[in-house]
Protein backbone atom coordinates (compact mmCIF):
# COMPACT_ATOMS: atom_id res chain seq x y z
CA MET A 1 104.28 66.68 77.63
CA ASP A 2 101.07 67.68 75.91
CA ILE A 3 100.97 71.48 76.08
CA LYS A 4 98.27 73.84 74.85
CA ILE A 5 98.56 77.60 75.10
CA TYR A 6 95.45 79.66 74.41
CA THR A 7 96.49 83.11 73.24
CA SER A 8 95.10 86.36 71.90
CA ASN A 9 96.63 88.48 69.14
CA GLY A 10 98.62 91.42 70.49
CA CYS A 11 98.73 90.07 74.06
CA LYS A 12 102.06 90.91 75.70
CA TYR A 13 101.55 88.24 78.37
CA CYS A 14 101.03 85.62 75.66
CA THR A 15 104.37 86.62 74.14
CA GLN A 16 106.01 86.37 77.56
CA VAL A 17 104.61 82.90 78.31
CA LYS A 18 105.92 81.61 74.96
CA LYS A 19 109.36 83.06 75.84
CA LEU A 20 109.15 81.27 79.20
CA PHE A 21 108.45 77.97 77.43
CA ASN A 22 111.33 78.53 75.02
CA ARG A 23 113.77 79.40 77.86
CA ALA A 24 112.68 76.19 79.60
CA GLY A 25 113.45 74.22 76.44
CA LEU A 26 109.78 73.36 75.89
CA THR A 27 109.38 74.29 72.26
CA LYS A 28 106.77 71.72 71.28
CA TYR A 29 103.39 73.09 72.21
CA GLU A 30 100.10 73.78 70.50
CA GLU A 31 99.22 77.46 70.34
CA ILE A 32 95.53 78.17 69.89
CA THR A 33 94.83 81.77 68.94
CA CYS A 34 91.41 82.70 70.26
CA PRO A 35 89.23 84.97 68.14
CA ASN A 36 87.38 86.16 71.27
CA LYS A 37 86.90 85.51 74.99
CA GLU A 38 83.85 83.31 74.34
CA PHE A 39 86.02 80.92 72.32
CA LEU A 40 88.48 80.71 75.22
CA LEU A 41 85.74 80.08 77.76
CA SER A 42 84.05 77.45 75.60
CA ASN A 43 87.33 75.48 75.58
CA CYS A 44 88.58 76.38 79.07
CA PRO A 45 85.66 77.20 81.38
CA ASN A 46 88.03 78.05 84.26
CA ALA A 47 90.07 80.55 82.23
CA THR A 48 90.31 84.05 83.63
CA SER A 49 92.73 85.67 81.20
CA TYR A 50 95.13 85.26 78.28
CA PRO A 51 97.31 83.32 78.01
CA TRP A 52 95.74 80.15 79.37
CA VAL A 53 98.06 77.16 79.69
CA ILE A 54 97.08 73.49 79.87
CA ILE A 55 99.75 70.85 80.47
CA ASP A 56 98.87 67.17 80.19
CA GLY A 57 95.19 68.02 80.56
CA LYS A 58 95.71 70.09 83.74
CA GLU A 59 94.75 73.75 83.59
CA ILE A 60 97.77 75.64 84.91
CA GLY A 61 96.57 79.22 84.40
CA GLY A 62 98.17 82.38 83.06
CA LEU A 63 101.73 83.63 82.87
CA VAL A 64 102.34 83.95 86.63
CA GLU A 65 100.76 80.58 87.43
CA THR A 66 102.79 78.91 84.68
CA ALA A 67 106.06 80.41 85.95
CA ARG A 68 105.17 79.25 89.47
CA TYR A 69 104.34 75.75 88.14
CA PHE A 70 107.69 75.59 86.32
CA LEU A 71 109.53 76.45 89.53
CA GLN A 72 107.57 73.95 91.63
CA GLU A 73 108.12 71.16 89.11
CA GLY A 74 111.83 71.97 88.70
CA ILE A 75 111.40 72.80 85.02
CA VAL A 76 113.22 76.09 85.60
CA SER A 77 115.36 77.41 88.41
CA SER A 78 115.04 80.66 90.32
CA ASP A 79 118.86 80.95 90.34
CA LYS A 80 119.58 84.04 88.25
CA ASN A 81 123.15 82.80 87.68
CA GLU A 82 121.84 79.87 85.62
CA ARG A 83 120.53 82.03 82.74
CA SER A 84 121.62 80.84 79.34
């Protein structure tokens, strides 16, 4: 998987999305720290917030959209008993 995560310093949602990736065992990703919103939009014109996740060239979205994508693709389970 080719994964890019656009983040902003001090963003709690950016921290949470990286934790989500780590829990899913996806530890190889490129994190791009954006100096400002214009930088984000110049690289991801559809971005609406931080973090902004792109997987294999497909814009997934922010934290909630990424969690939803992981569930739909079977990358993670919604079964709370399967926590490691």
